[in-house]
Structure formats: C-alpha cells, structure tokens
Amino acid sequence: MEPTYKSVESDVKIIADFTEYSPMHIGHKYCMDQAKKMVPNGIFVAVVPGLFERNGRGNPYIMTREARAEVAVAVGADIVVEGPPMGIMGSGQYSMCLAAIFKALDADYIPRGYRPFKGFNTILETISNGGGVAPKPYKIVDMATKNVLYKGKLHEDNYVIVSLSKSLKNINFDFKDKFIFVKRIEGVSGTKIREYINFEDFKAAEDMMPPETINILKGEIELNRAPLNNLRDVHGILERVNNNDIEYLKLLTLMDDHTSESLIENRPFNSILEVEKSISRGFSRNHKNRVLSSLEAGIFKEDIHKYIDRYPSVIRILKYKNEEVLNEFQKRITHRRLEIWQ
C-alpha cells in the first residue's frame, strides 16, 4: 500500500541541480548563481552523490559527501540531498536515478552547464520544449520524430544533458521550460584543481575555486580527511579478486564475462595495476575505474537493479542552510519521506 501524504503547503519553486562538487569550483558557483538570479525566491537543492564516495568516472571523490555538502551550502545552496552512487553504475543507470530524484523533488527548474558548439542549440531547443533526445552511437536523435539532430560524439557535460532528457522522458516527467542552460565559463578544470591539491599547491588553484571551497578543503586536509581522490581499498580489491570464484565475480555490478574469466586466469594479483590490466576496455574510457569501484563495493547486479527500481525510497538531506529553509522545503515536499542524515 502506498503511504499517504498531506497536501503541499508551500508554492516555493524548487531549483534542483546535480553536481559532484569534487571540489566545487567557480564554474559550479557560476551555474548556481545564474539559476538563483533567474529564480530569486526559489530553494536551490543540490543533489550530491554519496554512497561509496565514487564519481561517475569510477574515481574516489576528493572529499567526503559531508564536506562536499558543507561547501555547497557555504557557497549558496539551500538544501543538499544525497544522490545515487554513480561510481558503481553504468551511465544509463545513474541517469535514470537522477531523473527519479528530480521527479521526487518535483523540480521546477533544472540548471545545467553546457559547452556550446555549432549545432548544439537545436538540441537544447528541443529539450527546452519538453522533447526527449536520445544519445545513439555517434549521433543524437529526437525521440519523438526520430530525426537525427547531430552526428558525432558529445562532450561529457553535453552528453549528461541529452541522457538526462531521455531518462526524464522515460519516466513521464514533464520538463518543458524547466531546464536553465548555462554556458560554461572557460579556464576551469576540475582535473587540474585535483592535481594542484594533491601537491597542496593551492596558489595555482585558487583562481578556480571559491574561497569557501579552499577553506573547507584545507580544514579537511588538516584533519587527514582529504585529498581522498587517489585512495583505493587495495586490500579489499585484492581479497575479492584472489579469493572468490568466477560465478561470484560475474554477479558483481558492471562485471562482464570476459573480465571475470581474465581475473580468474591471471590471479593471484599483488597490485591494483595488475588487476586493471585484466579488466576489459568496455565502451567507456572510464570503464576500468568503474569496475575497480565495483570490486571495492562488492555490490551485485541484482541489488543495483532493485536499488534503481526503488530510488529514491527516501530523500536524505545531507545539509541545509537554516531551520527556516528546511521548514519551507518540508512544506513543499510533502509527497516524499524526508530524512536528515546524521
């Protein structure tokens, strides 16, 4: 039986953004600021991935979800909720989860940064008008007309927009006029920021990060809780690949038969590099890192499917600006169970 919820008590607009904030840089802040400028009285809800602390590329985040949520609120977010565990899912799977959380939040606006190029405006216009756009091998297709809107591959940021529109369409969420497309600012690189931070060269990175990010990140480093982006559970991975049979390995999420067979054939392993060489290339350049994250987590394919079917079973609040904002958010989201993360 479905739970019964009271009627919505607030008409405040929800601006729902999904960003990993690893770490939050001035590009993230710019996108947030532009959305808040367009919807000045709205509640900005940042959806920040949490479980297993692995990003969409399968790599560890630079800071914990708690620290990333703290930065988000310090920079301007009103509410931070926990997003799906991206690092142990395929891109289509976490896109479906993102669509589900936007629907659960009853999002009025969805800001997304994009990289402009010739032909992409047609795609953005289609999505702005509520049309689903599907990524296919080396082409982008209008889901309604089947017309090819673009031939070629998209940059990662642009691909996320297209994939999300497809997932939102598949769950029947009306997103007409809800997207706020923000042109990405130049000269900001999350990869370079992480490289600088690994060498504690904040001077080189400070122009790309808000001061709030720098202060919280330095605090995490002093507490030995950052940077985490180069840390793996080496012992756990080696234990799993060296001591389990092939049937067990095949059950793990993202694990293909060829990789399972290769791991059995080439073991025992003594390092992560040796394990990585036995992982098949896959269709994504991030496939090997995602499989390593799967080996860390030890989650089965069946459990991921169940998780996706039920997601979000609860909206978990990681951080909020103040009690007034939290109260307004609770009055607006009465149709879902809310939980404050401790």
Protein backbone atom coordinates (compact mmCIF):
# COMPACT_ATOMS: atom_id res chain seq x y z
CA MET A 1 0.00 0.00 0.00
CA GLU A 2 1.29 3.46 -0.93
CA PRO A 3 1.90 5.81 2.02
CA THR A 4 -0.47 8.76 2.44
CA TYR A 5 0.98 12.26 2.50
CA LYS A 6 -0.58 15.60 3.39
CA SER A 7 -1.12 18.24 0.72
CA VAL A 8 1.62 20.63 -0.35
CA GLU A 9 1.74 23.62 1.98
CA SER A 10 4.17 25.82 0.05
CA ASP A 11 4.38 27.05 -3.53
CA VAL A 12 8.08 27.90 -3.35
CA LYS A 13 9.93 26.96 -6.53
CA ILE A 14 12.48 24.13 -6.39
CA ILE A 15 15.72 24.59 -8.34
CA ALA A 16 17.30 21.12 -8.47
CA ASP A 17 20.87 20.78 -9.63
CA PHE A 18 23.05 17.70 -9.80
CA THR A 19 26.79 18.23 -9.37
CA GLU A 20 29.53 16.15 -7.77
CA TYR A 21 31.46 19.13 -6.31
CA SER A 22 34.79 17.31 -6.30
CA PRO A 23 35.68 20.00 -5.49
CA MET A 24 33.22 22.83 -6.04
CA HIS A 25 34.84 25.36 -8.39
CA ILE A 26 33.84 28.74 -9.78
CA GLY A 27 32.10 27.06 -12.72
CA HIS A 28 29.72 25.31 -10.33
CA LYS A 29 29.17 28.56 -8.44
CA TYR A 30 28.51 30.46 -11.66
CA CYS A 31 25.83 27.98 -12.71
CA MET A 32 24.25 28.15 -9.24
CA ASP A 33 24.32 31.96 -9.22
CA GLN A 34 22.73 32.22 -12.66
CA ALA A 35 19.89 29.88 -11.66
CA LYS A 36 19.29 31.73 -8.39
CA LYS A 37 19.27 35.04 -10.28
CA MET A 38 16.53 33.72 -12.57
CA VAL A 39 14.52 32.28 -9.67
CA PRO A 40 15.45 34.61 -6.78
CA ASN A 41 12.88 33.28 -4.29
CA GLY A 42 13.39 29.59 -5.04
CA ILE A 43 15.03 26.92 -2.93
CA PHE A 44 18.26 25.72 -4.51
CA VAL A 45 18.59 21.97 -3.93
CA ALA A 46 21.99 20.46 -4.72
CA VAL A 47 21.91 16.73 -5.44
CA VAL A 48 25.31 15.43 -4.33
CA PRO A 49 26.26 11.75 -4.88
CA GLY A 50 27.06 9.96 -1.65
CA LEU A 51 27.17 6.19 -1.27
CA PHE A 52 30.60 4.59 -1.78
CA GLU A 53 32.17 8.02 -2.47
CA ARG A 54 32.99 7.27 -6.11
CA ASN A 55 32.28 9.62 -9.03
CA GLY A 56 30.80 8.95 -12.46
CA ARG A 57 34.24 8.10 -13.80
CA GLY A 58 34.72 5.49 -11.10
CA ASN A 59 37.30 7.51 -9.18
CA PRO A 60 37.20 8.46 -5.48
CA TYR A 61 35.93 11.92 -4.61
CA ILE A 62 38.41 14.44 -3.25
CA MET A 63 36.35 14.90 -0.08
CA THR A 64 33.58 13.05 1.74
CA ARG A 65 29.94 13.75 0.92
CA GLU A 66 29.64 15.58 4.25
CA ALA A 67 32.43 18.02 3.33
CA ARG A 68 31.13 18.47 -0.22
CA ALA A 69 27.67 19.23 1.15
CA GLU A 70 29.16 21.72 3.60
CA VAL A 71 30.90 23.52 0.72
CA ALA A 72 27.68 23.61 -1.32
CA VAL A 73 25.75 25.35 1.46
CA ALA A 74 28.65 27.69 2.23
CA VAL A 75 28.73 28.80 -1.41
CA GLY A 76 24.97 29.30 -1.76
CA ALA A 77 22.90 26.10 -1.85
CA ASP A 78 19.85 26.00 0.43
CA ILE A 79 19.45 22.23 0.74
CA VAL A 80 21.81 19.36 -0.14
CA VAL A 81 20.31 15.91 -0.72
CA GLU A 82 22.10 12.65 -1.34
CA GLY A 83 22.31 11.47 -4.93
CA PRO A 84 22.88 7.98 -6.37
CA PRO A 85 26.18 6.03 -6.11
CA MET A 86 27.50 6.95 -9.53
CA GLY A 87 30.80 5.10 -9.49
CA ILE A 88 29.27 1.62 -9.39
CA MET A 89 26.60 2.24 -12.04
CA GLY A 90 26.55 2.46 -15.79
CA SER A 91 25.88 5.95 -17.18
CA GLY A 92 22.34 4.99 -18.22
CA GLN A 93 21.60 3.65 -14.74
CA TYR A 94 22.64 6.75 -12.84
CA SER A 95 20.90 8.94 -15.42
CA MET A 96 17.67 7.11 -14.57
CA CYS A 97 18.34 7.70 -10.86
CA LEU A 98 18.94 11.40 -11.45
CA ALA A 99 15.68 11.64 -13.36
CA ALA A 100 13.93 9.88 -10.47
CA ILE A 101 15.32 12.27 -7.84
CA PHE A 102 14.32 15.32 -9.92
CA LYS A 103 10.82 13.90 -10.20
CA ALA A 104 10.73 13.11 -6.48
CA LEU A 105 11.79 16.68 -5.73
CA ASP A 106 9.07 17.93 -8.10
CA ALA A 107 11.73 20.17 -9.61
CA ASP A 108 10.51 23.40 -11.17
CA TYR A 109 13.90 24.25 -12.65
CA ILE A 110 16.98 22.21 -13.56
CA PRO A 111 20.16 24.23 -14.21
CA ARG A 112 22.84 22.57 -16.33
CA GLY A 113 26.15 23.84 -17.61
CA TYR A 114 26.95 23.15 -21.26
CA ARG A 115 29.75 23.63 -23.77
CA PRO A 116 28.50 25.46 -26.89
CA PHE A 117 29.31 24.25 -30.37
CA LYS A 118 27.74 24.50 -33.80
CA GLY A 119 24.52 22.51 -33.94
CA PHE A 120 24.01 22.07 -30.20
CA ASN A 121 21.43 24.87 -29.94
CA THR A 122 18.98 22.72 -31.89
CA ILE A 123 19.35 20.00 -29.25
CA LEU A 124 18.90 22.48 -26.39
CA GLU A 125 15.79 23.98 -28.02
CA THR A 126 14.26 20.53 -28.40
CA ILE A 127 14.88 19.77 -24.72
CA SER A 128 13.63 23.22 -23.61
CA ASN A 129 10.38 22.49 -25.40
CA GLY A 130 9.97 19.27 -23.43
CA GLY A 131 11.26 16.91 -26.11
CA GLY A 132 13.34 13.88 -25.28
CA VAL A 133 16.67 13.49 -27.03
CA ALA A 134 18.46 10.14 -27.11
CA PRO A 135 22.19 9.50 -27.49
CA LYS A 136 22.93 6.80 -30.06
CA PRO A 137 26.30 5.57 -31.36
CA TYR A 138 27.85 8.66 -32.97
CA LYS A 139 24.55 10.52 -33.32
CA ILE A 140 21.86 12.30 -31.30
CA VAL A 141 18.21 11.54 -32.13
CA ASP A 142 14.90 13.27 -31.38
CA MET A 143 12.89 10.62 -29.52
CA ALA A 144 9.56 11.79 -30.98
CA THR A 145 10.40 12.39 -34.64
CA LYS A 146 13.42 10.05 -34.86
CA ASN A 147 15.22 12.82 -36.71
CA VAL A 148 18.99 12.93 -36.32
CA LEU A 149 19.80 16.22 -34.60
CA TYR A 150 23.56 15.80 -34.59
CA LYS A 151 26.14 13.38 -35.94
CA GLY A 152 29.18 12.74 -33.79
CA LYS A 153 30.11 12.40 -30.12
CA LEU A 154 29.26 14.92 -27.43
CA HIS A 155 31.45 16.36 -24.70
CA GLU A 156 30.73 14.79 -21.31
CA ASP A 157 28.77 17.80 -19.95
CA ASN A 158 26.58 17.96 -23.06
CA TYR A 159 26.09 14.19 -23.07
CA VAL A 160 24.75 14.34 -19.50
CA ILE A 161 22.07 16.84 -20.60
CA VAL A 162 20.97 14.68 -23.51
CA SER A 163 20.98 11.46 -21.47
CA LEU A 164 19.01 13.14 -18.67
CA SER A 165 16.33 14.36 -21.09
CA LYS A 166 15.91 10.79 -22.31
CA SER A 167 15.59 9.43 -18.78
CA LEU A 168 13.13 12.16 -17.73
CA LYS A 169 11.03 11.37 -20.80
CA ASN A 170 11.09 7.66 -20.00
CA ILE A 171 9.62 8.27 -16.52
CA ASN A 172 6.99 10.70 -17.89
CA PHE A 173 8.31 13.80 -16.13
CA ASP A 174 7.24 16.97 -17.89
CA PHE A 175 10.36 19.12 -18.18
CA LYS A 176 9.10 21.70 -20.68
CA ASP A 177 10.66 25.10 -19.87
CA LYS A 178 12.33 23.66 -16.76
CA PHE A 179 15.93 23.49 -17.90
CA ILE A 180 18.15 26.51 -17.29
CA PHE A 181 21.07 26.12 -19.66
CA VAL A 182 24.17 27.98 -18.56
CA LYS A 183 27.17 28.37 -20.84
CA ARG A 184 30.25 27.05 -19.06
CA ILE A 185 32.92 29.57 -18.20
CA GLU A 186 36.36 28.99 -19.68
CA GLY A 187 39.61 28.32 -17.85
CA VAL A 188 38.26 25.98 -15.17
CA SER A 189 39.38 22.36 -14.93
CA GLY A 190 38.38 20.01 -12.13
CA THR A 191 41.19 17.67 -13.17
CA LYS A 192 43.82 20.40 -12.84
CA ILE A 193 42.38 21.53 -9.50
CA ARG A 194 42.69 18.00 -8.11
CA GLU A 195 46.27 17.73 -9.41
CA TYR A 196 47.21 21.01 -7.73
CA ILE A 197 45.56 19.99 -4.47
CA ASN A 198 47.34 16.64 -4.42
CA PHE A 199 50.58 18.63 -4.30
CA GLU A 200 48.99 21.15 -1.87
CA ASP A 201 49.56 23.89 -4.43
CA PHE A 202 46.53 26.00 -3.52
CA LYS A 203 48.11 29.07 -5.08
CA ALA A 204 47.86 27.53 -8.54
CA ALA A 205 44.22 26.51 -7.98
CA GLU A 206 42.86 29.46 -6.03
CA ASP A 207 41.61 31.35 -9.10
CA MET A 208 39.43 28.37 -10.00
CA MET A 209 37.80 27.83 -6.58
CA PRO A 210 35.58 29.94 -4.34
CA PRO A 211 37.25 30.85 -1.02
CA GLU A 212 34.67 28.70 0.82
CA THR A 213 35.90 25.61 -1.03
CA ILE A 214 39.52 26.40 -0.23
CA ASN A 215 38.85 26.97 3.47
CA ILE A 216 36.83 23.79 3.95
CA LEU A 217 39.26 21.74 1.89
CA LYS A 218 42.21 22.99 3.93
CA GLY A 219 40.32 22.07 7.09
CA GLU A 220 39.71 18.55 5.77
CA ILE A 221 43.39 18.18 4.91
CA GLU A 222 44.38 19.22 8.43
CA LEU A 223 42.07 16.50 9.77
CA ASN A 224 43.60 13.94 7.35
CA ARG A 225 40.24 13.60 5.54
CA ALA A 226 41.45 14.96 2.20
CA PRO A 227 42.51 14.64 -0.51
CA LEU A 228 40.88 11.23 -0.99
CA ASN A 229 40.83 11.06 -4.80
CA ASN A 230 43.86 8.76 -5.08
CA LEU A 231 42.87 6.34 -2.33
CA ARG A 232 41.57 2.86 -3.09
CA ASP A 233 40.73 -0.08 -0.84
CA VAL A 234 43.65 -2.06 -2.24
CA HIS A 235 43.39 -4.85 0.32
CA GLY A 236 39.66 -5.27 -0.28
CA ILE A 237 40.01 -5.41 -4.06
CA LEU A 238 42.86 -7.95 -3.96
CA GLU A 239 40.98 -10.05 -1.41
CA ARG A 240 37.90 -10.11 -3.62
CA VAL A 241 39.62 -10.99 -6.91
CA ASN A 242 42.04 -13.51 -5.42
CA ASN A 243 39.65 -15.48 -3.21
CA ASN A 244 36.27 -15.68 -4.99
CA ASP A 245 35.12 -17.99 -7.75
CA ILE A 246 34.08 -16.91 -11.23
CA GLU A 247 30.34 -17.17 -10.52
CA TYR A 248 30.68 -14.68 -7.68
CA LEU A 249 32.67 -12.23 -9.84
CA LYS A 250 30.11 -12.43 -12.66
CA LEU A 251 27.37 -11.36 -10.24
CA LEU A 252 29.13 -8.08 -9.38
CA THR A 253 27.74 -4.90 -10.92
CA LEU A 254 29.50 -3.73 -14.12
CA MET A 255 31.37 -7.03 -14.35
CA ASP A 256 31.38 -8.68 -17.80
CA ASP A 257 32.17 -12.33 -18.50
CA HIS A 258 35.45 -11.58 -20.25
CA THR A 259 36.77 -9.62 -17.28
CA SER A 260 35.65 -12.31 -14.83
CA GLU A 261 37.43 -15.00 -16.82
CA SER A 262 40.56 -12.87 -17.18
CA LEU A 263 40.70 -12.20 -13.44
CA ILE A 264 40.46 -15.92 -12.65
CA GLU A 265 43.06 -16.82 -15.30
CA ASN A 266 45.64 -14.21 -14.25
CA ARG A 267 45.41 -14.34 -10.47
CA PRO A 268 46.87 -14.15 -7.90
CA PHE A 269 47.29 -10.37 -8.07
CA ASN A 270 49.62 -8.31 -5.94
CA SER A 271 48.67 -4.80 -7.06
CA ILE A 272 45.79 -2.72 -8.42
CA LEU A 273 47.74 -2.16 -11.64
CA GLU A 274 47.84 -5.93 -12.26
CA VAL A 275 44.08 -6.16 -11.69
CA GLU A 276 43.43 -3.23 -14.00
CA LYS A 277 45.28 -4.95 -16.85
CA SER A 278 42.82 -7.85 -16.63
CA ILE A 279 39.74 -5.63 -16.94
CA SER A 280 38.29 -5.37 -20.44
CA ARG A 281 38.26 -1.92 -22.04
CA GLY A 282 34.48 -1.61 -22.36
CA PHE A 283 32.67 1.11 -24.32
CA SER A 284 33.62 3.92 -21.95
CA ARG A 285 37.11 5.22 -21.23
CA ASN A 286 36.09 5.16 -17.56
CA HIS A 287 35.03 1.51 -17.58
CA LYS A 288 38.13 0.16 -15.82
CA ASN A 289 37.84 2.63 -12.97
CA ARG A 290 34.16 1.80 -12.53
CA VAL A 291 34.95 -1.91 -12.36
CA LEU A 292 37.60 -1.20 -9.70
CA SER A 293 34.91 0.66 -7.74
CA SER A 294 32.59 -2.32 -8.15
CA LEU A 295 35.31 -4.61 -6.79
CA GLU A 296 35.70 -2.27 -3.81
CA ALA A 297 31.98 -2.14 -3.03
CA GLY A 298 31.14 -5.80 -3.73
CA ILE A 299 27.60 -4.96 -4.85
CA PHE A 300 25.70 -7.43 -7.05
CA LYS A 301 23.93 -6.52 -10.31
CA GLU A 302 20.61 -7.70 -8.85
CA ASP A 303 20.95 -5.35 -5.88
CA ILE A 304 21.68 -2.39 -8.15
CA HIS A 305 18.55 -3.14 -10.19
CA LYS A 306 16.45 -3.28 -7.01
CA TYR A 307 18.02 -0.03 -5.81
CA ILE A 308 17.19 1.74 -9.09
CA ASP A 309 13.59 0.45 -9.04
CA ARG A 310 13.05 1.88 -5.54
CA TYR A 311 15.15 5.03 -5.83
CA PRO A 312 14.70 7.34 -4.08
CA SER A 313 12.97 5.39 -1.32
CA VAL A 314 13.75 8.37 0.92
CA ILE A 315 15.11 11.86 0.27
CA ARG A 316 18.14 12.08 2.53
CA ILE A 317 19.13 15.63 3.49
CA LEU A 318 22.88 15.96 3.95
CA LYS A 319 22.97 19.66 4.83
CA TYR A 320 20.67 22.68 4.96
CA LYS A 321 21.15 26.42 5.22
CA ASN A 322 18.98 27.05 8.29
CA GLU A 323 15.80 25.91 10.03
CA GLU A 324 13.62 28.35 8.09
CA VAL A 325 14.76 26.93 4.74
CA LEU A 326 14.39 23.36 6.00
CA ASN A 327 10.85 24.06 7.17
CA GLU A 328 9.89 25.59 3.83
CA PHE A 329 11.40 22.63 1.99
CA GLN A 330 9.46 20.17 4.17
CA LYS A 331 6.22 22.03 3.45
CA ARG A 332 6.96 21.89 -0.29
CA ILE A 333 7.98 18.20 -0.42
CA THR A 334 5.13 16.57 1.48
CA HIS A 335 4.74 13.73 -1.01
CA ARG A 336 8.03 12.05 -0.06
CA ARG A 337 9.64 10.76 3.10
CA LEU A 338 12.48 13.05 4.20
CA GLU A 339 15.38 12.02 6.41
CA ILE A 340 18.12 14.22 7.86
CA TRP A 341 21.48 12.49 7.59
CA GLN A 342 23.32 12.18 10.88
